[in-house]
Amino acid sequence: MTYEELLALAREFEGHTLETVTGRRYRVGIYLACPFFTPESSGYGQSDGRRAVERFVERYNETGSLRPGDYAKVSRNASYLIGLLIAAGASQTSAPRP
């Protein structure tokens, strides 16, 4: 997966309500070519920037993990990014693309 492919997924699901692996509901949006996430619980959009999402993609490609804890050092929004991947059909058994 590339950053651009993840951004395309965010565009596809923009405005839809998604869920994290723990069931928290949120919406995804795009601002300045970077995804942001708005949890239903707070209603406030949040993003940790393009570089953090790029680091998430790098780690995902290395591990294929769908566990937010595996991304704690690279992105604060891993649970939302993983929710986006799951909404797009990713599974824990999905092998990362080289």
N, C-alpha and C. Protein backbone atom coordinates (compact mmCIF):
# COMPACT_ATOMS: atom_id res chain seq x y z
N MET A 1 0.85 -1.18 0.00
CA MET A 1 0.00 0.00 0.00
C MET A 1 0.89 1.24 0.00
N THR A 2 0.44 2.27 -0.68
CA THR A 2 1.15 3.54 -0.70
C THR A 2 0.31 4.59 0.03
N TYR A 3 0.93 5.72 0.33
CA TYR A 3 0.20 6.82 0.95
C TYR A 3 -0.95 7.24 0.04
N GLU A 4 -0.69 7.31 -1.26
CA GLU A 4 -1.72 7.74 -2.21
C GLU A 4 -2.90 6.76 -2.23
N GLU A 5 -2.62 5.46 -2.09
CA GLU A 5 -3.71 4.47 -2.04
C GLU A 5 -4.53 4.63 -0.77
N LEU A 6 -3.86 4.90 0.35
CA LEU A 6 -4.59 5.13 1.59
C LEU A 6 -5.43 6.39 1.50
N LEU A 7 -4.88 7.42 0.89
CA LEU A 7 -5.63 8.67 0.69
C LEU A 7 -6.85 8.42 -0.20
N ALA A 8 -6.70 7.58 -1.22
CA ALA A 8 -7.84 7.24 -2.08
C ALA A 8 -8.92 6.51 -1.28
N LEU A 9 -8.53 5.64 -0.36
CA LEU A 9 -9.51 4.98 0.51
C LEU A 9 -10.23 6.00 1.38
N ALA A 10 -9.47 6.95 1.91
CA ALA A 10 -10.09 8.00 2.74
C ALA A 10 -11.09 8.79 1.92
N ARG A 11 -10.76 9.08 0.67
CA ARG A 11 -11.71 9.80 -0.20
C ARG A 11 -12.96 8.97 -0.44
N GLU A 12 -12.77 7.67 -0.65
CA GLU A 12 -13.91 6.78 -0.90
C GLU A 12 -14.86 6.74 0.29
N PHE A 13 -14.32 6.79 1.49
CA PHE A 13 -15.15 6.69 2.70
C PHE A 13 -15.42 8.04 3.35
N GLU A 14 -15.02 9.13 2.69
CA GLU A 14 -15.20 10.46 3.26
C GLU A 14 -16.67 10.70 3.58
N GLY A 15 -16.92 11.14 4.81
CA GLY A 15 -18.28 11.45 5.24
C GLY A 15 -19.06 10.26 5.77
N HIS A 16 -18.55 9.03 5.57
CA HIS A 16 -19.22 7.84 6.09
C HIS A 16 -18.82 7.63 7.55
N THR A 17 -19.72 7.04 8.31
CA THR A 17 -19.40 6.68 9.69
C THR A 17 -18.74 5.31 9.69
N LEU A 18 -17.55 5.24 10.27
CA LEU A 18 -16.79 4.00 10.37
C LEU A 18 -16.62 3.66 11.85
N GLU A 19 -16.04 2.49 12.13
CA GLU A 19 -15.79 2.08 13.51
C GLU A 19 -14.35 1.62 13.68
N THR A 20 -13.79 1.94 14.84
CA THR A 20 -12.48 1.40 15.19
C THR A 20 -12.64 -0.07 15.57
N VAL A 21 -11.53 -0.76 15.80
CA VAL A 21 -11.62 -2.17 16.19
C VAL A 21 -12.31 -2.34 17.54
N THR A 22 -12.36 -1.29 18.33
CA THR A 22 -13.04 -1.36 19.63
C THR A 22 -14.47 -0.83 19.58
N GLY A 23 -14.95 -0.49 18.37
CA GLY A 23 -16.34 -0.08 18.21
C GLY A 23 -16.62 1.40 18.33
N ARG A 24 -15.58 2.23 18.48
CA ARG A 24 -15.81 3.68 18.53
C ARG A 24 -16.12 4.19 17.13
N ARG A 25 -17.16 4.99 17.02
CA ARG A 25 -17.60 5.49 15.72
C ARG A 25 -16.94 6.83 15.39
N TYR A 26 -16.61 7.00 14.11
CA TYR A 26 -15.94 8.23 13.66
C TYR A 26 -16.19 8.42 12.17
N ARG A 27 -15.88 9.62 11.71
CA ARG A 27 -15.95 9.93 10.28
C ARG A 27 -14.56 10.30 9.80
N VAL A 28 -14.31 10.04 8.53
CA VAL A 28 -13.03 10.39 7.93
C VAL A 28 -13.25 11.53 6.95
N GLY A 29 -12.29 12.42 6.86
CA GLY A 29 -12.32 13.52 5.90
C GLY A 29 -10.92 13.74 5.34
N ILE A 30 -10.81 14.66 4.40
CA ILE A 30 -9.52 15.00 3.79
C ILE A 30 -9.35 16.51 3.89
N TYR A 31 -8.16 16.93 4.30
CA TYR A 31 -7.83 18.36 4.30
C TYR A 31 -6.37 18.49 3.90
N LEU A 32 -6.11 19.30 2.89
CA LEU A 32 -4.75 19.51 2.39
C LEU A 32 -4.05 18.18 2.08
N ALA A 33 -4.75 17.30 1.38
CA ALA A 33 -4.22 15.99 0.96
C ALA A 33 -3.76 15.13 2.13
N CYS A 34 -4.45 15.26 3.25
CA CYS A 34 -4.13 14.45 4.43
C CYS A 34 -5.44 14.04 5.10
N PRO A 35 -5.57 12.76 5.47
CA PRO A 35 -6.81 12.35 6.14
C PRO A 35 -6.90 12.92 7.56
N PHE A 36 -8.13 13.22 7.97
CA PHE A 36 -8.37 13.57 9.37
C PHE A 36 -9.58 12.80 9.84
N PHE A 37 -9.74 12.70 11.14
CA PHE A 37 -10.76 11.84 11.72
C PHE A 37 -11.55 12.62 12.76
N THR A 38 -12.87 12.43 12.74
CA THR A 38 -13.75 13.11 13.68
C THR A 38 -14.51 12.07 14.48
N PRO A 39 -14.10 11.82 15.72
CA PRO A 39 -14.82 10.86 16.56
C PRO A 39 -16.22 11.38 16.88
N GLU A 40 -17.20 10.47 16.87
CA GLU A 40 -18.57 10.85 17.25
C GLU A 40 -18.60 11.38 18.67
N SER A 41 -17.76 10.81 19.52
CA SER A 41 -17.79 11.17 20.95
C SER A 41 -17.44 12.63 21.21
N SER A 42 -16.51 13.19 20.43
CA SER A 42 -16.10 14.58 20.68
C SER A 42 -16.60 15.55 19.61
N GLY A 43 -16.71 15.07 18.38
CA GLY A 43 -17.11 15.95 17.28
C GLY A 43 -15.99 16.84 16.77
N TYR A 44 -14.78 16.66 17.30
CA TYR A 44 -13.64 17.47 16.88
C TYR A 44 -12.73 16.69 15.94
N GLY A 45 -12.44 17.28 14.77
CA GLY A 45 -11.54 16.64 13.82
C GLY A 45 -10.12 16.63 14.34
N GLN A 46 -9.39 15.57 14.01
CA GLN A 46 -8.00 15.47 14.44
C GLN A 46 -7.16 14.77 13.38
N SER A 47 -5.92 15.21 13.29
CA SER A 47 -4.96 14.61 12.37
C SER A 47 -3.58 14.78 12.99
N ASP A 48 -2.72 13.81 12.75
CA ASP A 48 -1.35 14.01 13.20
C ASP A 48 -0.41 14.22 12.02
N GLY A 49 -0.98 14.58 10.87
CA GLY A 49 -0.19 15.01 9.73
C GLY A 49 0.21 13.92 8.76
N ARG A 50 0.62 14.36 7.59
CA ARG A 50 0.97 13.45 6.51
C ARG A 50 2.12 12.53 6.89
N ARG A 51 3.16 13.06 7.51
CA ARG A 51 4.33 12.24 7.82
C ARG A 51 3.96 11.08 8.73
N ALA A 52 3.09 11.30 9.70
CA ALA A 52 2.66 10.22 10.60
C ALA A 52 1.89 9.16 9.82
N VAL A 53 1.05 9.58 8.88
CA VAL A 53 0.31 8.61 8.06
C VAL A 53 1.28 7.84 7.17
N GLU A 54 2.28 8.52 6.64
CA GLU A 54 3.30 7.82 5.83
C GLU A 54 4.04 6.78 6.67
N ARG A 55 4.36 7.13 7.92
CA ARG A 55 5.02 6.16 8.82
C ARG A 55 4.10 4.99 9.12
N PHE A 56 2.79 5.27 9.29
CA PHE A 56 1.82 4.20 9.50
C PHE A 56 1.83 3.25 8.31
N VAL A 57 1.79 3.79 7.09
CA VAL A 57 1.79 2.97 5.87
C VAL A 57 3.06 2.12 5.81
N GLU A 58 4.20 2.71 6.12
CA GLU A 58 5.46 1.96 6.12
C GLU A 58 5.39 0.78 7.08
N ARG A 59 4.92 1.03 8.30
CA ARG A 59 4.82 -0.04 9.30
C ARG A 59 3.79 -1.08 8.87
N TYR A 60 2.66 -0.65 8.33
CA TYR A 60 1.64 -1.60 7.86
C TYR A 60 2.23 -2.49 6.77
N ASN A 61 2.97 -1.92 5.85
CA ASN A 61 3.58 -2.72 4.78
C ASN A 61 4.59 -3.72 5.33
N GLU A 62 5.25 -3.38 6.42
CA GLU A 62 6.22 -4.29 7.04
C GLU A 62 5.53 -5.42 7.79
N THR A 63 4.43 -5.11 8.48
CA THR A 63 3.85 -6.07 9.42
C THR A 63 2.49 -6.62 9.01
N GLY A 64 1.69 -5.82 8.32
CA GLY A 64 0.32 -6.22 8.01
C GLY A 64 -0.60 -6.22 9.22
N SER A 65 -0.12 -5.71 10.34
CA SER A 65 -0.87 -5.75 11.59
C SER A 65 -2.08 -4.82 11.57
N LEU A 66 -3.16 -5.29 12.18
CA LEU A 66 -4.36 -4.47 12.35
C LEU A 66 -4.60 -4.20 13.84
N ARG A 67 -3.52 -4.19 14.62
CA ARG A 67 -3.60 -3.89 16.05
C ARG A 67 -3.04 -2.49 16.29
N PRO A 68 -3.87 -1.57 16.77
CA PRO A 68 -3.42 -0.19 16.97
C PRO A 68 -2.15 -0.07 17.81
N GLY A 69 -1.99 -0.92 18.80
CA GLY A 69 -0.82 -0.85 19.66
C GLY A 69 0.50 -1.03 18.92
N ASP A 70 0.45 -1.72 17.79
CA ASP A 70 1.66 -1.93 17.00
C ASP A 70 2.13 -0.66 16.29
N TYR A 71 1.31 0.38 16.34
CA TYR A 71 1.63 1.64 15.65
C TYR A 71 1.78 2.81 16.63
N ALA A 72 1.83 2.50 17.91
CA ALA A 72 1.84 3.55 18.94
C ALA A 72 2.97 4.56 18.76
N LYS A 73 4.10 4.13 18.26
CA LYS A 73 5.23 5.04 18.12
C LYS A 73 5.23 5.81 16.81
N VAL A 74 4.31 5.47 15.90
CA VAL A 74 4.32 6.15 14.59
C VAL A 74 3.12 7.04 14.34
N SER A 75 1.97 6.77 15.01
CA SER A 75 0.77 7.58 14.76
C SER A 75 -0.19 7.53 15.94
N ARG A 76 -0.71 8.68 16.32
CA ARG A 76 -1.75 8.74 17.36
C ARG A 76 -3.09 8.26 16.83
N ASN A 77 -3.25 8.27 15.51
CA ASN A 77 -4.54 7.94 14.90
C ASN A 77 -4.58 6.55 14.29
N ALA A 78 -3.74 5.64 14.77
CA ALA A 78 -3.68 4.30 14.20
C ALA A 78 -5.04 3.59 14.25
N SER A 79 -5.79 3.76 15.33
CA SER A 79 -7.08 3.05 15.43
C SER A 79 -8.04 3.50 14.33
N TYR A 80 -7.97 4.77 13.94
CA TYR A 80 -8.82 5.27 12.87
C TYR A 80 -8.32 4.80 11.50
N LEU A 81 -7.01 4.80 11.31
CA LEU A 81 -6.45 4.32 10.04
C LEU A 81 -6.74 2.83 9.86
N ILE A 82 -6.64 2.06 10.93
CA ILE A 82 -6.95 0.63 10.85
C ILE A 82 -8.43 0.43 10.58
N GLY A 83 -9.29 1.22 11.21
CA GLY A 83 -10.72 1.14 10.93
C GLY A 83 -11.01 1.40 9.46
N LEU A 84 -10.29 2.34 8.87
CA LEU A 84 -10.44 2.63 7.44
C LEU A 84 -10.03 1.42 6.61
N LEU A 85 -8.90 0.81 6.95
CA LEU A 85 -8.44 -0.38 6.22
C LEU A 85 -9.44 -1.52 6.34
N ILE A 86 -9.99 -1.73 7.53
CA ILE A 86 -10.97 -2.79 7.73
C ILE A 86 -12.24 -2.51 6.93
N ALA A 87 -12.68 -1.26 6.92
CA ALA A 87 -13.86 -0.89 6.12
C ALA A 87 -13.64 -1.18 4.65
N ALA A 88 -12.38 -1.08 4.21
CA ALA A 88 -12.04 -1.33 2.81
C ALA A 88 -11.80 -2.82 2.54
N GLY A 89 -11.92 -3.66 3.58
CA GLY A 89 -11.81 -5.09 3.36
C GLY A 89 -10.53 -5.74 3.83
N ALA A 90 -9.66 -5.01 4.52
CA ALA A 90 -8.43 -5.61 5.03
C ALA A 90 -8.76 -6.58 6.16
N SER A 91 -7.96 -7.62 6.28
CA SER A 91 -8.12 -8.56 7.38
C SER A 91 -6.75 -8.84 7.98
N GLN A 92 -6.74 -9.38 9.19
CA GLN A 92 -5.47 -9.66 9.87
C GLN A 92 -4.62 -10.62 9.05
N THR A 93 -5.24 -11.42 8.20
CA THR A 93 -4.49 -12.38 7.41
C THR A 93 -4.03 -11.81 6.08
N SER A 94 -4.39 -10.55 5.79
CA SER A 94 -3.94 -9.93 4.55
C SER A 94 -2.43 -9.77 4.58
N ALA A 95 -1.78 -10.30 3.59
CA ALA A 95 -0.33 -10.13 3.52
C ALA A 95 -0.01 -8.74 2.98
N PRO A 96 0.94 -8.06 3.58
CA PRO A 96 1.32 -6.75 3.05
C PRO A 96 1.95 -6.88 1.68
N ARG A 97 1.75 -5.87 0.87
CA ARG A 97 2.37 -5.84 -0.45
C ARG A 97 3.81 -5.40 -0.33
N PRO A 98 4.71 -6.04 -1.07
CA PRO A 98 6.12 -5.61 -1.00
C PRO A 98 6.33 -4.23 -1.56
